[in-house]
Amino acid sequence: MNTGKTLFAQLMELVSRTSVARIVKRHGGNRRVCSFNCTEQFRVMAFAQLSWRESLRDIEAVLVVNAGKLSGMGLRHAGEGVQNSV
């Protein structure tokens, strides 16, 4: 059993959280957000890009299948809200 971080989590560590937060605040990105905030949206889109996803339906299907692993990706909505959030 793997006890370390996933490759995706290691890649996301390279992206400075403070830089992302500063950019989101500067542009008002979290205004009128219903489910995913900008940081979560960035992580989902990065995951989709790195795993060669081709459509929103494809992204949603992968997130639903891997619902138990979403917290390891840094997403708060691990499981229940995934189908309505994507």
Protein backbone atom coordinates (compact mmCIF):
# COMPACT_ATOMS: atom_id res chain seq x y z
CA MET A 1 0.00 0.00 0.00
CA ASN A 2 1.27 3.46 -0.90
CA THR A 3 1.82 5.65 2.14
CA GLY A 4 3.32 8.65 0.33
CA LYS A 5 1.74 11.50 -1.58
CA THR A 6 0.34 11.03 -5.05
CA LEU A 7 2.24 12.41 -8.02
CA PHE A 8 -0.52 14.97 -8.56
CA ALA A 9 -0.25 16.18 -4.93
CA GLN A 10 3.50 16.54 -5.35
CA LEU A 11 3.01 18.59 -8.52
CA MET A 12 0.46 20.83 -6.83
CA GLU A 13 2.99 21.57 -4.08
CA LEU A 14 5.05 23.35 -6.74
CA VAL A 15 2.23 25.86 -7.22
CA SER A 16 2.37 28.44 -4.45
CA ARG A 17 -0.93 28.61 -2.57
CA THR A 18 -0.27 32.22 -1.60
CA SER A 19 0.30 33.21 -5.23
CA VAL A 20 -2.94 31.54 -6.31
CA ALA A 21 -4.83 33.17 -3.41
CA ARG A 22 -3.38 36.58 -4.29
CA ILE A 23 -4.39 36.23 -7.96
CA VAL A 24 -7.90 35.05 -7.04
CA LYS A 25 -8.33 37.97 -4.63
CA ARG A 26 -7.00 40.50 -7.16
CA HIS A 27 -9.50 39.40 -9.79
CA GLY A 28 -12.42 38.64 -7.45
CA GLY A 29 -12.52 35.03 -8.57
CA ASN A 30 -14.46 33.64 -5.60
CA ARG A 31 -17.30 36.12 -5.95
CA ARG A 32 -20.66 34.40 -6.57
CA VAL A 33 -19.20 30.90 -6.25
CA CYS A 34 -21.74 28.12 -5.63
CA SER A 35 -19.66 25.00 -5.05
CA PHE A 36 -16.01 24.95 -6.22
CA ASN A 37 -13.87 27.92 -5.32
CA CYS A 38 -11.13 29.04 -7.72
CA THR A 39 -8.39 27.00 -6.08
CA GLU A 40 -10.43 23.80 -6.35
CA GLN A 41 -11.38 24.63 -9.92
CA PHE A 42 -7.69 25.13 -10.75
CA ARG A 43 -6.81 21.76 -9.24
CA VAL A 44 -9.59 19.99 -11.16
CA MET A 45 -8.57 21.62 -14.44
CA ALA A 46 -4.89 20.80 -13.81
CA PHE A 47 -5.85 17.18 -13.10
CA ALA A 48 -7.95 17.07 -16.28
CA GLN A 49 -5.10 18.50 -18.34
CA LEU A 50 -2.49 16.14 -16.90
CA SER A 51 -4.71 13.07 -17.33
CA TRP A 52 -5.74 13.92 -20.92
CA ARG A 53 -9.47 14.37 -20.21
CA GLU A 54 -11.42 15.46 -23.28
CA SER A 55 -14.79 16.67 -21.98
CA LEU A 56 -16.62 17.81 -18.88
CA ARG A 57 -18.46 14.51 -18.80
CA ASP A 58 -15.14 12.68 -18.86
CA ILE A 59 -13.79 14.86 -16.01
CA GLU A 60 -16.95 14.26 -13.97
CA ALA A 61 -16.79 10.50 -14.49
CA VAL A 62 -13.17 10.33 -13.33
CA LEU A 63 -13.89 12.48 -10.27
CA VAL A 64 -16.87 10.33 -9.29
CA VAL A 65 -14.89 7.11 -9.68
CA ASN A 66 -12.01 8.54 -7.63
CA ALA A 67 -14.20 10.23 -5.01
CA GLY A 68 -12.29 8.62 -2.15
CA LYS A 69 -9.00 10.05 -3.41
CA LEU A 70 -10.14 13.65 -3.88
CA SER A 71 -9.05 14.79 -0.44
CA GLY A 72 -5.54 13.66 -1.36
CA MET A 73 -5.75 15.97 -4.36
CA GLY A 74 -6.54 18.90 -2.09
CA LEU A 75 -10.26 19.09 -2.85
CA ARG A 76 -12.71 19.64 -0.02
CA HIS A 77 -15.64 18.03 -1.83
CA ALA A 78 -14.49 14.46 -1.49
CA GLY A 79 -17.40 12.38 -2.65
CA GLU A 80 -20.91 13.72 -2.22
CA GLY A 81 -20.86 17.06 -4.01
CA VAL A 82 -18.76 16.02 -6.96
CA GLN A 83 -21.54 15.32 -9.43
CA ASN A 84 -23.25 18.64 -8.72
CA SER A 85 -20.01 20.60 -8.53
CA VAL A 86 -18.48 19.76 -11.89
